[in-house]
């Protein structure tokens, strides 16, 4: 009985940590938008991943396990996760966002729970219940209500940028499926810190190599870099990327990829909340309706099948 209580308490804690992480990601959107408006997009992405990788390595070192002992299969799996969730994800996302409108990008990213539910059903045997499908649809509707009723929101026609953003969603979800399978292996099980650290160190090294080998110059005027830019970059890498990865990977192990992905719907909700509180954007009935839909979608999608 006490074991069941502890398990329920752990799940509840994971859900609250996820919700807090979505709030951080919602605020991080504005930070990243400001940074990429001033500097090369890939340089910003690479720097954030390097900061995250070093931070996670420091956590591993603090736990006296700088590099976990990996079986060959574990190493290959985590390398694949790094390629999907960090390297390809960042390239597709940054290049895609540069070629499409913000509204298009946010709506495509909101397809994450749908893609996660489908892949979890296909690869992990997770049941695609009517309640979960209804939750995914309701949550997406809530996000659409919020995104399309923000000041200056405009949908663009289909473009290469939209396809690249969708590819970033698919690579993130596929990597998440691999993480869930790896962390639920009974033999040689790895924790969230070890998985997150290895993935981001591998991924950061790939992005650094990409930046060094690409033909175009770095495109960063270091004379324009201020202490404020460095602070924003550090906080983005530490809080949104490193800590966010720890919480996300823990949730993948505890809740599964399909249920964890539902929390992505909260990112634009928190983004609007911060814009209303800090930037004075108007709060409309559409925003409140979107919040209610996301609440309902999360509740439906998190229900355990009988």
Protein backbone atom coordinates (compact mmCIF):
# COMPACT_ATOMS: atom_id res chain seq x y z
CA UNK A 1 0.00 0.00 0.00
CA UNK A 2 2.77 2.41 0.92
CA UNK A 3 4.52 1.60 -2.38
CA UNK A 4 1.40 2.65 -4.31
CA UNK A 5 1.18 5.88 -2.30
CA UNK A 6 4.83 6.64 -3.03
CA UNK A 7 4.29 5.93 -6.74
CA UNK A 8 1.26 8.26 -6.86
CA UNK A 9 3.21 10.96 -5.05
CA UNK A 10 6.05 10.59 -7.56
CA UNK A 11 3.65 10.92 -10.50
CA UNK A 12 2.03 14.02 -8.97
CA UNK A 13 5.46 15.59 -8.40
CA UNK A 14 6.44 14.85 -12.00
CA UNK A 15 3.28 16.53 -13.28
CA UNK A 16 3.95 19.68 -11.26
CA UNK A 17 7.56 19.74 -12.41
CA UNK A 18 6.37 19.41 -16.01
CA UNK A 19 3.94 22.28 -15.60
CA UNK A 20 6.70 24.44 -14.10
CA UNK A 21 8.98 23.51 -17.00
CA UNK A 22 6.30 24.56 -19.49
CA UNK A 23 6.15 27.94 -17.75
CA UNK A 24 9.93 28.26 -18.13
CA UNK A 25 9.68 27.26 -21.80
CA UNK A 26 6.90 29.80 -22.30
CA UNK A 27 9.12 32.57 -20.94
CA UNK A 28 12.12 31.19 -22.85
CA UNK A 29 10.34 31.76 -26.18
CA UNK A 30 10.71 35.51 -25.75
CA UNK A 31 14.35 35.18 -24.71
CA UNK A 32 15.26 33.04 -27.72
CA UNK A 33 13.34 35.32 -30.11
CA UNK A 34 15.34 38.29 -28.81
CA UNK A 35 18.67 36.45 -29.13
CA UNK A 36 18.07 35.18 -32.66
CA UNK A 37 16.97 38.65 -33.75
CA UNK A 38 20.45 39.87 -32.78
CA UNK A 39 22.68 36.92 -33.67
CA UNK A 40 23.03 33.95 -36.01
CA UNK A 41 20.27 31.45 -35.23
CA UNK A 42 22.47 28.35 -35.33
CA UNK A 43 25.09 30.08 -33.19
CA UNK A 44 22.43 30.77 -30.54
CA UNK A 45 21.16 27.18 -30.69
CA UNK A 46 24.69 25.76 -30.43
CA UNK A 47 25.64 28.01 -27.53
CA UNK A 48 22.48 27.05 -25.61
CA UNK A 49 23.18 23.34 -26.08
CA UNK A 50 26.83 23.75 -25.04
CA UNK A 51 25.75 25.53 -21.84
CA UNK A 52 23.20 22.77 -21.17
CA UNK A 53 25.73 20.01 -21.84
CA UNK A 54 28.31 21.55 -19.50
CA UNK A 55 25.69 22.10 -16.79
CA UNK A 56 24.52 18.48 -16.97
CA UNK A 57 28.15 17.29 -16.94
CA UNK A 58 28.65 19.31 -13.75
CA UNK A 59 25.65 17.59 -12.18
CA UNK A 60 27.06 14.19 -13.14
CA UNK A 61 30.45 15.14 -11.72
CA UNK A 62 28.79 16.25 -8.49
CA UNK A 63 27.29 12.77 -8.29
CA UNK A 64 30.74 11.23 -8.87
CA UNK A 65 29.73 9.76 -12.20
CA UNK A 66 30.98 12.12 -14.91
CA UNK A 67 30.40 9.54 -17.65
CA UNK A 68 28.17 6.52 -16.99
CA UNK A 69 29.35 3.09 -18.04
CA UNK A 70 27.37 2.29 -21.17
CA UNK A 71 26.84 -0.99 -22.91
CA UNK A 72 27.35 -0.75 -26.71
CA UNK A 73 23.60 -0.87 -27.31
CA UNK A 74 22.97 1.88 -24.73
CA UNK A 75 25.64 4.08 -26.30
CA UNK A 76 24.13 3.64 -29.77
CA UNK A 77 20.63 4.38 -28.48
CA UNK A 78 21.71 7.57 -26.70
CA UNK A 79 23.74 8.63 -29.72
CA UNK A 80 20.60 8.23 -31.82
CA UNK A 81 18.67 10.30 -29.28
CA UNK A 82 21.32 13.03 -29.49
CA UNK A 83 21.10 13.08 -33.29
CA UNK A 84 17.29 13.29 -33.20
CA UNK A 85 16.52 15.43 -30.13
CA UNK A 86 19.43 17.89 -30.26
CA UNK A 87 21.31 17.97 -33.57
CA UNK A 88 18.60 17.47 -36.19
CA UNK A 89 15.92 19.04 -33.99
CA UNK A 90 17.83 22.30 -33.64
CA UNK A 91 18.75 22.48 -37.33
CA UNK A 92 15.18 21.79 -38.49
CA UNK A 93 13.68 24.14 -35.91
CA UNK A 94 15.96 27.14 -36.43
CA UNK A 95 15.91 26.88 -40.23
CA UNK A 96 12.15 26.30 -40.22
CA UNK A 97 11.26 29.21 -37.95
CA UNK A 98 13.36 31.50 -40.15
CA UNK A 99 11.20 30.55 -43.16
CA UNK A 100 7.65 30.66 -41.77
CA UNK A 101 5.40 32.83 -39.64
CA UNK A 102 5.31 32.60 -35.85
CA UNK A 103 1.65 31.49 -35.91
CA UNK A 104 2.40 28.67 -38.36
CA UNK A 105 5.34 27.49 -36.25
CA UNK A 106 3.38 27.49 -32.98
CA UNK A 107 0.48 25.55 -34.49
CA UNK A 108 2.80 22.96 -36.03
CA UNK A 109 4.65 22.53 -32.72
CA UNK A 110 1.25 21.96 -31.11
CA UNK A 111 0.98 18.78 -33.22
CA UNK A 112 3.56 17.23 -30.86
CA UNK A 113 0.95 15.42 -28.68
CA UNK A 114 -0.79 13.98 -31.74
CA UNK A 115 2.47 12.70 -33.23
CA UNK A 116 3.48 11.36 -29.80
CA UNK A 117 0.19 9.51 -29.32
CA UNK A 118 0.42 7.91 -32.77
CA UNK A 119 4.06 6.83 -32.41
CA UNK A 120 3.49 5.58 -28.85
CA UNK A 121 0.62 3.43 -30.14
CA UNK A 122 2.69 2.20 -33.10
CA UNK A 123 6.04 1.52 -31.42
CA UNK A 124 5.26 1.09 -27.72
CA UNK A 125 1.84 -0.55 -27.84
CA UNK A 126 0.29 2.35 -25.92
CA UNK A 127 -3.51 2.32 -26.15
CA UNK A 128 -4.95 5.12 -28.29
CA UNK A 129 -8.19 5.49 -26.33
CA UNK A 130 -11.11 7.73 -27.37
CA UNK A 131 -10.46 9.90 -24.29
CA UNK A 132 -6.85 10.46 -25.31
CA UNK A 133 -7.81 11.32 -28.90
CA UNK A 134 -10.43 13.75 -27.58
CA UNK A 135 -7.86 15.28 -25.22
CA UNK A 136 -5.35 15.78 -28.02
CA UNK A 137 -7.98 17.38 -30.27
CA UNK A 138 -9.34 19.62 -27.50
CA UNK A 139 -5.87 20.74 -26.46
CA UNK A 140 -4.89 21.57 -30.04
CA UNK A 141 -8.09 23.59 -30.42
CA UNK A 142 -7.20 25.54 -27.29
CA UNK A 143 -3.72 26.31 -28.60
CA UNK A 144 -5.19 27.46 -31.93
CA UNK A 145 -7.58 29.80 -30.10
CA UNK A 146 -4.68 31.36 -28.22
CA UNK A 147 -2.16 31.55 -31.08
CA UNK A 148 -4.53 32.97 -33.70
CA UNK A 149 -5.85 35.69 -31.40
CA UNK A 150 -2.55 37.21 -30.35
CA UNK A 151 -1.66 40.72 -31.60
CA UNK A 152 -0.08 40.54 -35.04
CA UNK A 153 -0.81 36.83 -35.50
CA UNK A 154 -0.96 35.88 -39.17
CA UNK A 155 -1.13 32.49 -40.85
CA UNK A 156 1.10 32.09 -43.86
CA UNK A 157 0.70 29.76 -46.81
CA UNK A 158 2.39 26.36 -46.73
CA UNK A 159 6.14 26.59 -47.16
CA UNK A 160 9.43 24.76 -46.74
CA UNK A 161 9.66 26.38 -43.31
CA UNK A 162 6.47 24.62 -42.19
CA UNK A 163 7.86 21.27 -43.32
CA UNK A 164 11.13 21.86 -41.45
CA UNK A 165 9.29 22.78 -38.23
CA UNK A 166 7.20 19.60 -38.59
CA UNK A 167 10.44 17.62 -39.04
CA UNK A 168 11.71 19.14 -35.78
CA UNK A 169 8.56 17.88 -34.03
CA UNK A 170 8.95 14.38 -35.48
CA UNK A 171 12.64 14.11 -34.55
CA UNK A 172 11.90 15.28 -30.99
CA UNK A 173 9.12 12.72 -30.55
CA UNK A 174 11.12 9.85 -32.09
CA UNK A 175 13.99 10.63 -29.72
CA UNK A 176 11.54 10.71 -26.82
CA UNK A 177 10.29 7.22 -27.72
CA UNK A 178 13.88 5.95 -27.64
CA UNK A 179 14.46 7.64 -24.28
CA UNK A 180 11.34 6.06 -22.80
CA UNK A 181 12.35 2.60 -23.99
CA UNK A 182 15.91 3.05 -22.70
CA UNK A 183 14.91 4.31 -19.26
CA UNK A 184 12.42 1.50 -18.76
CA UNK A 185 14.92 -1.25 -19.50
CA UNK A 186 15.29 -3.49 -16.42
CA UNK A 187 18.95 -4.25 -17.14
CA UNK A 188 21.51 -1.45 -16.82
CA UNK A 189 18.83 1.16 -16.26
CA UNK A 190 19.99 4.78 -16.54
CA UNK A 191 18.53 7.73 -14.65
CA UNK A 192 17.24 10.99 -16.07
CA UNK A 193 20.47 12.85 -15.20
CA UNK A 194 22.66 10.30 -16.98
CA UNK A 195 20.43 10.12 -20.06
CA UNK A 196 20.06 13.90 -20.31
CA UNK A 197 23.78 14.51 -19.79
CA UNK A 198 24.94 12.01 -22.41
CA UNK A 199 22.37 13.17 -24.99
CA UNK A 200 23.20 16.87 -24.62
CA UNK A 201 26.97 16.37 -24.55
CA UNK A 202 26.79 14.26 -27.73
CA UNK A 203 24.38 16.75 -29.32
CA UNK A 204 26.43 19.81 -28.36
CA UNK A 205 29.57 18.29 -29.89
CA UNK A 206 27.68 17.61 -33.14
CA UNK A 207 26.40 21.18 -33.30
CA UNK A 208 29.86 22.62 -32.62
CA UNK A 209 31.29 20.46 -35.42
CA UNK A 210 28.45 21.62 -37.70
CA UNK A 211 29.23 25.26 -36.96
CA UNK A 212 32.96 24.75 -37.59
CA UNK A 213 32.50 22.85 -40.85
CA UNK A 214 29.69 24.85 -42.45
CA UNK A 215 30.81 27.08 -45.33
CA UNK A 216 29.27 30.37 -44.18
CA UNK A 217 31.01 32.43 -41.48
CA UNK A 218 29.87 32.47 -37.87
CA UNK A 219 27.94 35.71 -38.28
CA UNK A 220 28.37 36.97 -34.72
CA UNK A 221 29.62 40.48 -34.06
CA UNK A 222 31.19 40.02 -30.63
CA UNK A 223 31.38 43.79 -30.19
CA UNK A 224 27.56 43.77 -29.94
CA UNK A 225 27.48 41.06 -27.29
CA UNK A 226 26.53 42.57 -23.93
CA UNK A 227 26.43 41.19 -20.40
CA UNK A 228 22.65 41.01 -20.75
CA UNK A 229 22.94 38.78 -23.82
CA UNK A 230 25.36 36.47 -22.00
CA UNK A 231 23.04 36.29 -18.98
CA UNK A 232 20.00 35.47 -21.14
CA UNK A 233 21.96 32.81 -23.01
CA UNK A 234 23.20 31.26 -19.76
CA UNK A 235 19.74 31.22 -18.16
CA UNK A 236 18.17 29.81 -21.31
CA UNK A 237 20.75 27.02 -21.46
CA UNK A 238 20.61 26.25 -17.73
CA UNK A 239 16.91 26.53 -16.94
CA UNK A 240 15.04 25.92 -20.18
CA UNK A 241 17.41 23.41 -21.77
CA UNK A 242 19.35 21.58 -19.04
CA UNK A 243 16.72 21.53 -16.28
CA UNK A 244 13.96 21.17 -18.86
CA UNK A 245 15.67 18.07 -20.29
CA UNK A 246 15.96 16.52 -16.83
CA UNK A 247 12.27 17.00 -16.11
CA UNK A 248 11.18 15.91 -19.60
CA UNK A 249 13.23 12.71 -19.55
CA UNK A 250 12.05 11.87 -16.04
CA UNK A 251 8.46 12.36 -17.23
CA UNK A 252 9.05 10.11 -20.25
CA UNK A 253 10.05 7.33 -17.88
CA UNK A 254 7.21 7.98 -15.41
CA UNK A 255 4.27 9.04 -17.59
CA UNK A 256 5.24 7.85 -21.06
CA UNK A 257 5.80 9.87 -24.22
CA UNK A 258 2.10 10.30 -25.12
CA UNK A 259 1.03 11.75 -21.75
CA UNK A 260 4.17 13.83 -21.34
CA UNK A 261 3.64 15.45 -24.75
CA UNK A 262 0.24 16.80 -23.68
CA UNK A 263 2.01 19.38 -21.53
CA UNK A 264 3.43 21.02 -24.67
CA UNK A 265 -0.01 22.63 -25.01
CA UNK A 266 0.80 24.76 -21.96
CA UNK A 267 3.80 26.51 -23.54
CA UNK A 268 1.76 29.06 -25.59
CA UNK A 269 -0.65 29.48 -22.65
CA UNK A 270 2.19 30.55 -20.38
CA UNK A 271 3.67 32.60 -23.23
CA UNK A 272 0.45 34.62 -23.46
CA UNK A 273 0.32 34.93 -19.67
CA UNK A 274 3.81 36.43 -19.56
CA UNK A 275 3.01 38.74 -22.49
CA UNK A 276 -0.14 39.99 -20.72
CA UNK A 277 1.63 40.48 -17.38
CA UNK A 278 4.92 41.93 -18.62
CA UNK A 279 4.24 43.42 -22.06
CA UNK A 280 0.68 44.66 -21.60
CA UNK A 281 -0.84 42.52 -24.36
CA UNK A 282 -4.66 42.40 -24.18
CA UNK A 283 -6.37 39.41 -22.57
CA UNK A 284 -9.45 38.32 -24.51
CA UNK A 285 -12.19 35.77 -24.17
CA UNK A 286 -10.45 33.68 -26.83
CA UNK A 287 -7.44 33.34 -24.55
CA UNK A 288 -9.60 32.25 -21.63
CA UNK A 289 -11.43 29.78 -23.87
CA UNK A 290 -8.10 28.39 -25.03
CA UNK A 291 -6.96 27.97 -21.43
CA UNK A 292 -10.15 26.05 -20.61
CA UNK A 293 -9.68 23.82 -23.66
CA UNK A 294 -6.08 23.04 -22.76
CA UNK A 295 -7.13 22.23 -19.19
CA UNK A 296 -9.82 19.88 -20.48
CA UNK A 297 -7.53 18.32 -23.05
CA UNK A 298 -4.81 17.65 -20.47
CA UNK A 299 -7.33 16.08 -18.09
CA UNK A 300 -8.80 13.82 -20.78
CA UNK A 301 -5.42 12.81 -22.16
CA UNK A 302 -3.98 11.96 -18.73
CA UNK A 303 -6.81 9.61 -17.76
CA UNK A 304 -5.77 6.01 -17.30
CA UNK A 305 -7.75 3.56 -19.49
CA UNK A 306 -9.95 1.17 -17.58
